Amino acid sequence: MSVSWASGVNKRVLREGGSWEIPNGTKADKTKSGKIKMRAAESCAPMTYKVLMRFTPEEYSSFMYWYLNTTQRGALTFLFPQIDAVNGAEVEYGFVPGTSISVRNPSARSIDVNMEWYSVN
């Protein structure tokens, strides 16, 4: 079950702090003769995204409420405009398990939030 993005929170991913990784998607198996044989590891490996967003204090408060309660601390996936495409169609993302949200407060008017997401295929 995926949830909607936090109400009243912007959907702008900052380019200077964001990046994404395209998974290799292959796995190497060693045969009895010692040769390495490559094969697909998954039918569709998820992409991971390092996301940096800048919020106002009000947006940050709404975002944290949404993260803690609506997504149940990242247990549920959510809908967000596609990060690596121009059309901005909404796709499903999730928080990468075992990662945390990093918060920086560069000024009293904005709060930077670093997160790691994966695409749900």
PDB file of N, CA and C in Angstrom:
ATOM      1  N   MET A   1       0.833  -1.173   0.000  1.00  0.00           N
ATOM      2  CA  MET A   1       0.000   0.000   0.000  1.00  0.00           C
ATOM      3  C   MET A   1       0.884   1.245   0.000  1.00  0.00           C
ATOM      4  N   SER A   2       0.681   2.103  -0.963  1.00  0.00           N
ATOM      5  CA  SER A   2       1.443   3.348  -0.991  1.00  0.00           C
ATOM      6  C   SER A   2       0.546   4.497  -0.538  1.00  0.00           C
ATOM      7  N   VAL A   3       1.180   5.512   0.038  1.00  0.00           N
ATOM      8  CA  VAL A   3       0.454   6.675   0.540  1.00  0.00           C
ATOM      9  C   VAL A   3       0.797   7.892  -0.302  1.00  0.00           C
ATOM     10  N   SER A   4      -0.030   8.919  -0.217  1.00  0.00           N
ATOM     11  CA  SER A   4       0.231  10.168  -0.937  1.00  0.00           C
ATOM     12  C   SER A   4       1.345  10.937  -0.245  1.00  0.00           C
ATOM     13  N   TRP A   5       1.996  11.828  -0.989  1.00  0.00           N
ATOM     14  CA  TRP A   5       3.023  12.694  -0.433  1.00  0.00           C
ATOM     15  C   TRP A   5       2.408  13.601   0.626  1.00  0.00           C
ATOM     16  N   ALA A   6       3.203  14.072   1.539  1.00  0.00           N
ATOM     17  CA  ALA A   6       2.740  14.912   2.649  1.00  0.00           C
ATOM     18  C   ALA A   6       2.038  16.173   2.141  1.00  0.00           C
ATOM     19  N   SER A   7       0.869  16.426   2.669  1.00  0.00           N
ATOM     20  CA  SER A   7       0.076  17.595   2.276  1.00  0.00           C
ATOM     21  C   SER A   7       0.773  18.887   2.719  1.00  0.00           C
ATOM     22  N   GLY A   8       0.831  19.861   1.815  1.00  0.00           N
ATOM     23  CA  GLY A   8       1.432  21.152   2.143  1.00  0.00           C
ATOM     24  C   GLY A   8       2.952  21.169   2.132  1.00  0.00           C
ATOM     25  N   VAL A   9       3.579  20.090   1.624  1.00  0.00           N
ATOM     26  CA  VAL A   9       5.044  19.996   1.571  1.00  0.00           C
ATOM     27  C   VAL A   9       5.476  20.011   0.113  1.00  0.00           C
ATOM     28  N   ASN A  10       6.471  20.843  -0.212  1.00  0.00           N
ATOM     29  CA  ASN A  10       6.919  20.964  -1.609  1.00  0.00           C
ATOM     30  C   ASN A  10       7.462  19.641  -2.133  1.00  0.00           C
ATOM     31  N   LYS A  11       7.507  19.516  -3.464  1.00  0.00           N
ATOM     32  CA  LYS A  11       7.991  18.301  -4.129  1.00  0.00           C
ATOM     33  C   LYS A  11       9.252  18.593  -4.941  1.00  0.00           C
ATOM     34  N   ARG A  12      10.081  19.517  -4.458  1.00  0.00           N
ATOM     35  CA  ARG A  12      11.296  19.890  -5.176  1.00  0.00           C
ATOM     36  C   ARG A  12      12.508  19.148  -4.611  1.00  0.00           C
ATOM     37  N   VAL A  13      13.142  18.362  -5.457  1.00  0.00           N
ATOM     38  CA  VAL A  13      14.391  17.696  -5.093  1.00  0.00           C
ATOM     39  C   VAL A  13      15.519  18.592  -5.573  1.00  0.00           C
ATOM     40  N   LEU A  14      16.430  18.959  -4.676  1.00  0.00           N
ATOM     41  CA  LEU A  14      17.538  19.844  -5.038  1.00  0.00           C
ATOM     42  C   LEU A  14      18.588  19.066  -5.814  1.00  0.00           C
ATOM     43  N   ARG A  15      19.000  19.607  -6.927  1.00  0.00           N
ATOM     44  CA  ARG A  15      19.956  18.916  -7.809  1.00  0.00           C
ATOM     45  C   ARG A  15      21.353  18.836  -7.206  1.00  0.00           C
ATOM     46  N   GLU A  16      21.785  19.877  -6.469  1.00  0.00           N
ATOM     47  CA  GLU A  16      23.172  19.894  -5.999  1.00  0.00           C
ATOM     48  C   GLU A  16      23.466  18.827  -4.955  1.00  0.00           C
ATOM     49  N   GLY A  17      22.454  18.348  -4.232  1.00  0.00           N
ATOM     50  CA  GLY A  17      22.717  17.352  -3.204  1.00  0.00           C
ATOM     51  C   GLY A  17      22.169  15.986  -3.545  1.00  0.00           C
ATOM     52  N   GLY A  18      21.503  15.871  -4.673  1.00  0.00           N
ATOM     53  CA  GLY A  18      20.874  14.604  -5.027  1.00  0.00           C
ATOM     54  C   GLY A  18      21.677  13.818  -6.033  1.00  0.00           C
ATOM     55  N   SER A  19      21.517  12.522  -5.999  1.00  0.00           N
ATOM     56  CA  SER A  19      22.154  11.657  -6.996  1.00  0.00           C
ATOM     57  C   SER A  19      21.365  10.357  -7.036  1.00  0.00           C
ATOM     58  N   TRP A  20      21.593   9.559  -8.068  1.00  0.00           N
ATOM     59  CA  TRP A  20      20.970   8.252  -8.126  1.00  0.00           C
ATOM     60  C   TRP A  20      21.919   7.259  -8.729  1.00  0.00           C
ATOM     61  N   GLU A  21      21.677   6.007  -8.403  1.00  0.00           N
ATOM     62  CA  GLU A  21      22.539   4.929  -8.868  1.00  0.00           C
ATOM     63  C   GLU A  21      21.732   3.979  -9.733  1.00  0.00           C
ATOM     64  N   ILE A  22      22.305   3.634 -10.868  1.00  0.00           N
ATOM     65  CA  ILE A  22      21.681   2.659 -11.753  1.00  0.00           C
ATOM     66  C   ILE A  22      22.278   1.303 -11.385  1.00  0.00           C
ATOM     67  N   PRO A  23      21.449   0.369 -10.932  1.00  0.00           N
ATOM     68  CA  PRO A  23      21.982  -0.912 -10.477  1.00  0.00           C
ATOM     69  C   PRO A  23      22.572  -1.721 -11.631  1.00  0.00           C
ATOM     70  N   ASN A  24      23.574  -2.514 -11.309  1.00  0.00           N
ATOM     71  CA  ASN A  24      24.214  -3.370 -12.298  1.00  0.00           C
ATOM     72  C   ASN A  24      23.231  -4.407 -12.799  1.00  0.00           C
ATOM     73  N   GLY A  25      22.536  -5.086 -11.903  1.00  0.00           N
ATOM     74  CA  GLY A  25      21.526  -6.055 -12.311  1.00  0.00           C
ATOM     75  C   GLY A  25      22.048  -7.403 -12.765  1.00  0.00           C
ATOM     76  N   THR A  26      23.352  -7.643 -12.581  1.00  0.00           N
ATOM     77  CA  THR A  26      23.901  -8.941 -12.982  1.00  0.00           C
ATOM     78  C   THR A  26      24.493  -9.659 -11.777  1.00  0.00           C
ATOM     79  N   LYS A  27      24.626 -10.959 -11.932  1.00  0.00           N
ATOM     80  CA  LYS A  27      25.231 -11.780 -10.891  1.00  0.00           C
ATOM     81  C   LYS A  27      26.196 -12.739 -11.571  1.00  0.00           C
ATOM     82  N   ALA A  28      27.354 -12.919 -10.970  1.00  0.00           N
ATOM     83  CA  ALA A  28      28.358 -13.819 -11.537  1.00  0.00           C
ATOM     84  C   ALA A  28      28.296 -15.166 -10.821  1.00  0.00           C
ATOM     85  N   ASP A  29      28.215 -16.234 -11.595  1.00  0.00           N
ATOM     86  CA  ASP A  29      28.244 -17.599 -11.058  1.00  0.00           C
ATOM     87  C   ASP A  29      29.478 -18.300 -11.617  1.00  0.00           C
ATOM     88  N   LYS A  30      30.125 -19.062 -10.764  1.00  0.00           N
ATOM     89  CA  LYS A  30      31.298 -19.817 -11.205  1.00  0.00           C
ATOM     90  C   LYS A  30      30.866 -21.250 -11.523  1.00  0.00           C
ATOM     91  N   THR A  31      31.181 -21.691 -12.734  1.00  0.00           N
ATOM     92  CA  THR A  31      30.823 -23.058 -13.133  1.00  0.00           C
ATOM     93  C   THR A  31      31.844 -24.041 -12.565  1.00  0.00           C
ATOM     94  N   LYS A  32      31.558 -25.326 -12.678  1.00  0.00           N
ATOM     95  CA  LYS A  32      32.471 -26.362 -12.167  1.00  0.00           C
ATOM     96  C   LYS A  32      33.829 -26.297 -12.862  1.00  0.00           C
ATOM     97  N   SER A  33      33.823 -25.870 -14.118  1.00  0.00           N
ATOM     98  CA  SER A  33      35.081 -25.785 -14.856  1.00  0.00           C
ATOM     99  C   SER A  33      35.884 -24.530 -14.476  1.00  0.00           C
ATOM    100  N   GLY A  34      35.288 -23.659 -13.671  1.00  0.00           N
ATOM    101  CA  GLY A  34      36.005 -22.463 -13.232  1.00  0.00           C
ATOM    102  C   GLY A  34      35.668 -21.205 -14.017  1.00  0.00           C
ATOM    103  N   LYS A  35      34.867 -21.348 -15.063  1.00  0.00           N
ATOM    104  CA  LYS A  35      34.488 -20.179 -15.852  1.00  0.00           C
ATOM    105  C   LYS A  35      33.437 -19.361 -15.110  1.00  0.00           C
ATOM    106  N   ILE A  36      33.470 -18.071 -15.354  1.00  0.00           N
ATOM    107  CA  ILE A  36      32.481 -17.166 -14.769  1.00  0.00           C
ATOM    108  C   ILE A  36      31.340 -16.986 -15.760  1.00  0.00           C
ATOM    109  N   LYS A  37      30.128 -17.200 -15.284  1.00  0.00           N
ATOM    110  CA  LYS A  37      28.954 -17.048 -16.132  1.00  0.00           C
ATOM    111  C   LYS A  37      28.099 -15.923 -15.552  1.00  0.00           C
ATOM    112  N   MET A  38      27.755 -14.948 -16.381  1.00  0.00           N
ATOM    113  CA  MET A  38      26.944 -13.818 -15.943  1.00  0.00           C
ATOM    114  C   MET A  38      25.472 -14.100 -16.216  1.00  0.00           C
ATOM    115  N   ARG A  39      24.605 -13.650 -15.300  1.00  0.00           N
ATOM    116  CA  ARG A  39      23.168 -13.770 -15.499  1.00  0.00           C
ATOM    117  C   ARG A  39      22.479 -12.592 -14.818  1.00  0.00           C
ATOM    118  N   ALA A  40      21.221 -12.420 -15.147  1.00  0.00           N
ATOM    119  CA  ALA A  40      20.442 -11.337 -14.533  1.00  0.00           C
ATOM    120  C   ALA A  40      20.161 -11.696 -13.078  1.00  0.00           C
ATOM    121  N   ALA A  41      20.437 -10.752 -12.172  1.00  0.00           N
ATOM    122  CA  ALA A  41      20.209 -10.986 -10.753  1.00  0.00           C
ATOM    123  C   ALA A  41      18.731 -10.847 -10.408  1.00  0.00           C
ATOM    124  N   GLU A  42      18.068  -9.914 -11.050  1.00  0.00           N
ATOM    125  CA  GLU A  42      16.651  -9.671 -10.808  1.00  0.00           C
ATOM    126  C   GLU A  42      16.006  -9.330 -12.137  1.00  0.00           C
ATOM    127  N   SER A  43      14.706  -9.501 -12.207  1.00  0.00           N
ATOM    128  CA  SER A  43      14.036  -9.133 -13.447  1.00  0.00           C
ATOM    129  C   SER A  43      14.034  -7.612 -13.617  1.00  0.00           C
ATOM    130  N   CYS A  44      13.972  -6.884 -12.505  1.00  0.00           N
ATOM    131  CA  CYS A  44      13.979  -5.421 -12.568  1.00  0.00           C
ATOM    132  C   CYS A  44      14.540  -4.891 -11.254  1.00  0.00           C
ATOM    133  N   ALA A  45      15.826  -4.587 -11.235  1.00  0.00           N
ATOM    134  CA  ALA A  45      16.472  -4.114 -10.014  1.00  0.00           C
ATOM    135  C   ALA A  45      16.052  -2.676  -9.707  1.00  0.00           C
ATOM    136  N   PRO A  46      15.737  -2.369  -8.449  1.00  0.00           N
ATOM    137  CA  PRO A  46      15.311  -1.014  -8.103  1.00  0.00           C
ATOM    138  C   PRO A  46      16.470  -0.027  -8.147  1.00  0.00           C
ATOM    139  N   MET A  47      16.162   1.197  -8.536  1.00  0.00           N
ATOM    140  CA  MET A  47      17.165   2.263  -8.511  1.00  0.00           C
ATOM    141  C   MET A  47      17.113   2.905  -7.136  1.00  0.00           C
ATOM    142  N   THR A  48      18.261   3.389  -6.653  1.00  0.00           N
ATOM    143  CA  THR A  48      18.284   4.101  -5.382  1.00  0.00           C
ATOM    144  C   THR A  48      18.633   5.560  -5.631  1.00  0.00           C
ATOM    145  N   TYR A  49      18.077   6.422  -4.801  1.00  0.00           N
ATOM    146  CA  TYR A  49      18.230   7.873  -4.962  1.00  0.00           C
ATOM    147  C   TYR A  49      18.653   8.486  -3.642  1.00  0.00           C
ATOM    148  N   LYS A  50      19.684   9.316  -3.692  1.00  0.00           N
ATOM    149  CA  LYS A  50      20.053  10.132  -2.544  1.00  0.00           C
ATOM    150  C   LYS A  50      19.364  11.477  -2.774  1.00  0.00           C
ATOM    151  N   VAL A  51      18.421  11.801  -1.922  1.00  0.00           N
ATOM    152  CA  VAL A  51      17.543  12.939  -2.134  1.00  0.00           C
ATOM    153  C   VAL A  51      17.825  14.033  -1.116  1.00  0.00           C
ATOM    154  N   LEU A  52      17.969  15.264  -1.606  1.00  0.00           N
ATOM    155  CA  LEU A  52      18.104  16.438  -0.741  1.00  0.00           C
ATOM    156  C   LEU A  52      16.925  17.354  -1.028  1.00  0.00           C
ATOM    157  N   MET A  53      16.192  17.696   0.024  1.00  0.00           N
ATOM    158  CA  MET A  53      15.050  18.608  -0.118  1.00  0.00           C
ATOM    159  C   MET A  53      15.195  19.719   0.909  1.00  0.00           C
ATOM    160  N   ARG A  54      14.714  20.907   0.551  1.00  0.00           N
ATOM    161  CA  ARG A  54      14.761  22.063   1.448  1.00  0.00           C
ATOM    162  C   ARG A  54      13.334  22.456   1.815  1.00  0.00           C
ATOM    163  N   PHE A  55      13.062  22.489   3.121  1.00  0.00           N
ATOM    164  CA  PHE A  55      11.737  22.794   3.622  1.00  0.00           C
ATOM    165  C   PHE A  55      11.734  24.065   4.474  1.00  0.00           C
ATOM    166  N   THR A  56      10.600  24.705   4.526  1.00  0.00           N
ATOM    167  CA  THR A  56      10.389  25.765   5.509  1.00  0.00           C
ATOM    168  C   THR A  56      10.145  25.057   6.843  1.00  0.00           C
ATOM    169  N   PRO A  57      10.228  25.768   7.970  1.00  0.00           N
ATOM    170  CA  PRO A  57       9.931  25.104   9.251  1.00  0.00           C
ATOM    171  C   PRO A  57       8.524  24.479   9.276  1.00  0.00           C
ATOM    172  N   GLU A  58       7.556  25.128   8.656  1.00  0.00           N
ATOM    173  CA  GLU A  58       6.193  24.586   8.621  1.00  0.00           C
ATOM    174  C   GLU A  58       6.137  23.306   7.786  1.00  0.00           C
ATOM    175  N   GLU A  59       6.799  23.331   6.614  1.00  0.00           N
ATOM    176  CA  GLU A  59       6.835  22.141   5.763  1.00  0.00           C
ATOM    177  C   GLU A  59       7.550  20.995   6.472  1.00  0.00           C
ATOM    178  N   TYR A  60       8.650  21.314   7.166  1.00  0.00           N
ATOM    179  CA  TYR A  60       9.406  20.292   7.883  1.00  0.00           C
ATOM    180  C   TYR A  60       8.535  19.620   8.942  1.00  0.00           C
ATOM    181  N   SER A  61       7.767  20.410   9.659  1.00  0.00           N
ATOM    182  CA  SER A  61       6.877  19.872  10.682  1.00  0.00           C
ATOM    183  C   SER A  61       5.844  18.929  10.052  1.00  0.00           C
ATOM    184  N   SER A  62       5.252  19.345   8.926  1.00  0.00           N
ATOM    185  CA  SER A  62       4.284  18.502   8.215  1.00  0.00           C
ATOM    186  C   SER A  62       4.943  17.243   7.676  1.00  0.00           C
ATOM    187  N   PHE A  63       6.165  17.386   7.136  1.00  0.00           N
ATOM    188  CA  PHE A  63       6.901  16.241   6.600  1.00  0.00           C
ATOM    189  C   PHE A  63       7.191  15.219   7.701  1.00  0.00           C
ATOM    190  N   MET A  64       7.670  15.685   8.850  1.00  0.00           N
ATOM    191  CA  MET A  64       8.008  14.757   9.930  1.00  0.00           C
ATOM    192  C   MET A  64       6.766  14.044  10.466  1.00  0.00           C
ATOM    193  N   TYR A  65       5.661  14.753  10.563  1.00  0.00           N
ATOM    194  CA  TYR A  65       4.412  14.105  10.979  1.00  0.00           C
ATOM    195  C   TYR A  65       4.046  13.012   9.976  1.00  0.00           C
ATOM    196  N   TRP A  66       4.142  13.346   8.683  1.00  0.00           N
ATOM    197  CA  TRP A  66       3.829  12.394   7.620  1.00  0.00           C
ATOM    198  C   TRP A  66       4.765  11.182   7.696  1.00  0.00           C
ATOM    199  N   TYR A  67       6.070  11.429   7.865  1.00  0.00           N
ATOM    200  CA  TYR A  67       7.058  10.339   7.914  1.00  0.00           C
ATOM    201  C   TYR A  67       6.804   9.427   9.117  1.00  0.00           C
ATOM    202  N   LEU A  68       6.614  10.019  10.287  1.00  0.00           N
ATOM    203  CA  LEU A  68       6.458   9.230  11.512  1.00  0.00           C
ATOM    204  C   LEU A  68       5.123   8.499  11.578  1.00  0.00           C
ATOM    205  N   ASN A  69       4.052   9.131  11.127  1.00  0.00           N
ATOM    206  CA  ASN A  69       2.722   8.564  11.306  1.00  0.00           C
ATOM    207  C   ASN A  69       2.134   7.947  10.040  1.00  0.00           C
ATOM    208  N   THR A  70       2.177   8.672   8.928  1.00  0.00           N
ATOM    209  CA  THR A  70       1.542   8.170   7.710  1.00  0.00           C
ATOM    210  C   THR A  70       2.350   7.038   7.077  1.00  0.00           C
ATOM    211  N   THR A  71       3.664   7.224   6.932  1.00  0.00           N
ATOM    212  CA  THR A  71       4.483   6.146   6.350  1.00  0.00           C
ATOM    213  C   THR A  71       4.970   5.164   7.413  1.00  0.00           C
ATOM    214  N   GLN A  72       4.616   5.427   8.659  1.00  0.00           N
ATOM    215  CA  GLN A  72       5.022   4.576   9.781  1.00  0.00           C
ATOM    216  C   GLN A  72       6.536   4.418   9.836  1.00  0.00           C
ATOM    217  N   ARG A  73       7.211   5.579   9.865  1.00  0.00           N
ATOM    218  CA  ARG A  73       8.687   5.653   9.919  1.00  0.00           C
ATOM    219  C   ARG A  73       9.339   4.995   8.708  1.00  0.00           C
ATOM    220  N   GLY A  74       8.699   5.171   7.554  1.00  0.00           N
ATOM    221  CA  GLY A  74       9.271   4.669   6.313  1.00  0.00           C
ATOM    222  C   GLY A  74       8.879   3.248   5.952  1.00  0.00           C
ATOM    223  N   ALA A  75       7.979   2.626   6.711  1.00  0.00           N
ATOM    224  CA  ALA A  75       7.575   1.250   6.415  1.00  0.00           C
ATOM    225  C   ALA A  75       6.692   1.172   5.171  1.00  0.00           C
ATOM    226  N   LEU A  76       5.916   2.227   4.907  1.00  0.00           N
ATOM    227  CA  LEU A  76       5.035   2.237   3.741  1.00  0.00           C
ATOM    228  C   LEU A  76       5.666   3.033   2.608  1.00  0.00           C
ATOM    229  N   THR A  77       5.354   2.653   1.380  1.00  0.00           N
ATOM    230  CA  THR A  77       5.842   3.382   0.215  1.00  0.00           C
ATOM    231  C   THR A  77       4.941   4.585  -0.045  1.00  0.00           C
ATOM    232  N   PHE A  78       5.409   5.476  -0.926  1.00  0.00           N
ATOM    233  CA  PHE A  78       4.671   6.708  -1.193  1.00  0.00           C
ATOM    234  C   PHE A  78       4.764   7.094  -2.659  1.00  0.00           C
ATOM    235  N   LEU A  79       3.861   7.955  -3.093  1.00  0.00           N
ATOM    236  CA  LEU A  79       3.841   8.447  -4.472  1.00  0.00           C
ATOM    237  C   LEU A  79       4.521   9.806  -4.533  1.00  0.00           C
ATOM    238  N   PHE A  80       5.367   9.992  -5.558  1.00  0.00           N
ATOM    239  CA  PHE A  80       6.133  11.227  -5.723  1.00  0.00           C
ATOM    240  C   PHE A  80       6.444  11.376  -7.210  1.00  0.00           C
ATOM    241  N   PRO A  81       6.543  12.608  -7.738  1.00  0.00           N
ATOM    242  CA  PRO A  81       6.904  12.777  -9.153  1.00  0.00           C
ATOM    243  C   PRO A  81       8.243  12.092  -9.460  1.00  0.00           C
ATOM    244  N   GLN A  82       8.314  11.437 -10.600  1.00  0.00           N
ATOM    245  CA  GLN A  82       9.517  10.694 -10.988  1.00  0.00           C
ATOM    246  C   GLN A  82      10.734  11.610 -10.992  1.00  0.00           C
ATOM    247  N   ILE A  83      11.771  11.221 -10.257  1.00  0.00           N
ATOM    248  CA  ILE A  83      12.959  12.059 -10.060  1.00  0.00           C
ATOM    249  C   ILE A  83      13.808  12.152 -11.313  1.00  0.00           C
ATOM    250  N   ASP A  84      14.024  11.048 -12.009  1.00  0.00           N
ATOM    251  CA  ASP A  84      14.961  11.009 -13.129  1.00  0.00           C
ATOM    252  C   ASP A  84      14.286  11.110 -14.492  1.00  0.00           C
ATOM    253  N   ALA A  85      13.143  11.769 -14.554  1.00  0.00           N
ATOM    254  CA  ALA A  85      12.444  11.942 -15.829  1.00  0.00           C
ATOM    255  C   ALA A  85      11.920  13.367 -15.934  1.00  0.00           C
ATOM    256  N   VAL A  86      11.639  13.777 -17.151  1.00  0.00           N
ATOM    257  CA  VAL A  86      11.178  15.135 -17.376  1.00  0.00           C
ATOM    258  C   VAL A  86       9.665  15.270 -17.199  1.00  0.00           C
ATOM    259  N   ASN A  87       8.928  14.207 -17.479  1.00  0.00           N
ATOM    260  CA  ASN A  87       7.473  14.323 -17.458  1.00  0.00           C
ATOM    261  C   ASN A  87       6.877  14.467 -16.066  1.00  0.00           C
ATOM    262  N   GLY A  88       7.575  14.030 -15.029  1.00  0.00           N
ATOM    263  CA  GLY A  88       7.109  14.214 -13.664  1.00  0.00           C
ATOM    264  C   GLY A  88       5.902  13.388 -13.272  1.00  0.00           C
ATOM    265  N   ALA A  89       5.647  12.284 -13.990  1.00  0.00           N
ATOM    266  CA  ALA A  89       4.541  11.403 -13.620  1.00  0.00           C
ATOM    267  C   ALA A  89       4.803  10.830 -12.230  1.00  0.00           C
ATOM    268  N   GLU A  90       3.752  10.639 -11.446  1.00  0.00           N
ATOM    269  CA  GLU A  90       3.941  10.105 -10.095  1.00  0.00           C
ATOM    270  C   GLU A  90       4.248   8.617 -10.146  1.00  0.00           C
ATOM    271  N   VAL A  91       5.289   8.232  -9.417  1.00  0.00           N
ATOM    272  CA  VAL A  91       5.687   6.837  -9.301  1.00  0.00           C
ATOM    273  C   VAL A  91       5.829   6.500  -7.819  1.00  0.00           C
ATOM    274  N   GLU A  92       6.024   5.226  -7.551  1.00  0.00           N
ATOM    275  CA  GLU A  92       6.091   4.766  -6.162  1.00  0.00           C
ATOM    276  C   GLU A  92       7.544   4.664  -5.696  1.00  0.00           C
ATOM    277  N   TYR A  93       7.824   5.235  -4.530  1.00  0.00           N
ATOM    278  CA  TYR A  93       9.142   5.179  -3.894  1.00  0.00           C
ATOM    279  C   TYR A  93       8.995   4.669  -2.476  1.00  0.00           C
ATOM    280  N   GLY A  94      10.109   4.222  -1.913  1.00  0.00           N
ATOM    281  CA  GLY A  94      10.150   3.822  -0.515  1.00  0.00           C
ATOM    282  C   GLY A  94      11.452   4.300   0.097  1.00  0.00           C
ATOM    283  N   PHE A  95      11.499   4.369   1.405  1.00  0.00           N
ATOM    284  CA  PHE A  95      12.739   4.724   2.100  1.00  0.00           C
ATOM    285  C   PHE A  95      13.612   3.475   2.156  1.00  0.00           C
ATOM    286  N   VAL A  96      14.899   3.615   1.818  1.00  0.00           N
ATOM    287  CA  VAL A  96      15.808   2.472   1.830  1.00  0.00           C
ATOM    288  C   VAL A  96      15.912   1.960   3.269  1.00  0.00           C
ATOM    289  N   PRO A  97      15.611   0.668   3.490  1.00  0.00           N
ATOM    290  CA  PRO A  97      15.682   0.111   4.842  1.00  0.00           C
ATOM    291  C   PRO A  97      17.077   0.258   5.442  1.00  0.00           C
ATOM    292  N   GLY A  98      17.122   0.566   6.715  1.00  0.00           N
ATOM    293  CA  GLY A  98      18.401   0.694   7.417  1.00  0.00           C
ATOM    294  C   GLY A  98      19.069   2.044   7.261  1.00  0.00           C
ATOM    295  N   THR A  99      18.467   2.961   6.505  1.00  0.00           N
ATOM    296  CA  THR A  99      19.040   4.299   6.371  1.00  0.00           C
ATOM    297  C   THR A  99      18.240   5.268   7.235  1.00  0.00           C
ATOM    298  N   SER A 100      18.849   6.387   7.542  1.00  0.00           N
ATOM    299  CA  SER A 100      18.167   7.375   8.373  1.00  0.00           C
ATOM    300  C   SER A 100      18.004   8.678   7.600  1.00  0.00           C
ATOM    301  N   ILE A 101      17.198   9.549   8.149  1.00  0.00           N
ATOM    302  CA  ILE A 101      16.995  10.870   7.576  1.00  0.00           C
ATOM    303  C   ILE A 101      17.953  11.822   8.276  1.00  0.00           C
ATOM    304  N   SER A 102      18.721  12.559   7.508  1.00  0.00           N
ATOM    305  CA  SER A 102      19.685  13.509   8.056  1.00  0.00           C
ATOM    306  C   SER A 102      19.130  14.924   7.889  1.00  0.00           C
ATOM    307  N   VAL A 103      19.156  15.707   8.958  1.00  0.00           N
ATOM    308  CA  VAL A 103      18.569  17.049   8.940  1.00  0.00           C
ATOM    309  C   VAL A 103      19.641  18.083   9.259  1.00  0.00           C
ATOM    310  N   ARG A 104      19.663  19.147   8.449  1.00  0.00           N
ATOM    311  CA  ARG A 104      20.565  20.284   8.663  1.00  0.00           C
ATOM    312  C   ARG A 104      19.730  21.545   8.648  1.00  0.00           C
ATOM    313  N   ASN A 105      20.083  22.488   9.488  1.00  0.00           N
ATOM    314  CA  ASN A 105      19.336  23.740   9.546  1.00  0.00           C
ATOM    315  C   ASN A 105      20.264  24.896   9.161  1.00  0.00           C
ATOM    316  N   PRO A 106      20.387  25.179   7.848  1.00  0.00           N
ATOM    317  CA  PRO A 106      21.306  26.231   7.426  1.00  0.00           C
ATOM    318  C   PRO A 106      20.853  27.642   7.824  1.00  0.00           C
ATOM    319  N   SER A 107      19.565  27.841   7.984  1.00  0.00           N
ATOM    320  CA  SER A 107      19.069  29.145   8.406  1.00  0.00           C
ATOM    321  C   SER A 107      17.745  28.949   9.124  1.00  0.00           C
ATOM    322  N   ALA A 108      17.283  30.005   9.750  1.00  0.00           N
ATOM    323  CA  ALA A 108      16.016  29.907  10.490  1.00  0.00           C
ATOM    324  C   ALA A 108      14.834  29.750   9.546  1.00  0.00           C
ATOM    325  N   ARG A 109      15.042  30.057   8.254  1.00  0.00           N
ATOM    326  CA  ARG A 109      13.931  29.990   7.302  1.00  0.00           C
ATOM    327  C   ARG A 109      13.889  28.721   6.483  1.00  0.00           C
ATOM    328  N   SER A 110      14.952  27.899   6.530  1.00  0.00           N
ATOM    329  CA  SER A 110      14.947  26.666   5.737  1.00  0.00           C
ATOM    330  C   SER A 110      15.654  25.535   6.462  1.00  0.00           C
ATOM    331  N   ILE A 111      15.194  24.328   6.191  1.00  0.00           N
ATOM    332  CA  ILE A 111      15.753  23.129   6.806  1.00  0.00           C
ATOM    333  C   ILE A 111      16.055  22.140   5.679  1.00  0.00           C
ATOM    334  N   ASP A 112      17.303  21.668   5.597  1.00  0.00           N
ATOM    335  CA  ASP A 112      17.706  20.693   4.577  1.00  0.00           C
ATOM    336  C   ASP A 112      17.529  19.280   5.126  1.00  0.00           C
ATOM    337  N   VAL A 113      16.920  18.429   4.315  1.00  0.00           N
ATOM    338  CA  VAL A 113      16.671  17.043   4.716  1.00  0.00           C
ATOM    339  C   VAL A 113      17.266  16.119   3.656  1.00  0.00           C
ATOM    340  N   ASN A 114      18.196  15.244   4.073  1.00  0.00           N
ATOM    341  CA  ASN A 114      18.801  14.236   3.199  1.00  0.00           C
ATOM    342  C   ASN A 114      18.150  12.893   3.481  1.00  0.00           C
ATOM    343  N   MET A 115      17.765  12.193   2.404  1.00  0.00           N
ATOM    344  CA  MET A 115      17.114  10.896   2.541  1.00  0.00           C
ATOM    345  C   MET A 115      17.627   9.963   1.454  1.00  0.00           C
ATOM    346  N   GLU A 116      17.373   8.687   1.634  1.00  0.00           N
ATOM    347  CA  GLU A 116      17.705   7.715   0.602  1.00  0.00           C
ATOM    348  C   GLU A 116      16.435   6.939   0.264  1.00  0.00           C
ATOM    349  N   TRP A 117      16.059   6.988  -1.016  1.00  0.00           N
ATOM    350  CA  TRP A 117      14.840   6.327  -1.495  1.00  0.00           C
ATOM    351  C   TRP A 117      15.188   5.247  -2.507  1.00  0.00           C
ATOM    352  N   TYR A 118      14.273   4.315  -2.717  1.00  0.00           N
ATOM    353  CA  TYR A 118      14.402   3.333  -3.802  1.00  0.00           C
ATOM    354  C   TYR A 118      13.121   3.356  -4.620  1.00  0.00           C
ATOM    355  N   SER A 119      13.238   3.010  -5.896  1.00  0.00           N
ATOM    356  CA  SER A 119      12.061   2.955  -6.754  1.00  0.00           C
ATOM    357  C   SER A 119      11.382   1.605  -6.586  1.00  0.00           C
ATOM    358  N   VAL A 120      10.058   1.622  -6.549  1.00  0.00           N
ATOM    359  CA  VAL A 120       9.279   0.395  -6.446  1.00  0.00           C
ATOM    360  C   VAL A 120       8.847   0.042  -7.859  1.00  0.00           C
ATOM    361  N   ASN A 121       9.225  -1.120  -8.325  1.00  0.00           N
ATOM    362  CA  ASN A 121       8.928  -1.492  -9.711  1.00  0.00           C
ATOM    363  C   ASN A 121       7.648  -2.262  -9.829  1.00  0.00           C
TER     364      ASN A 121
END
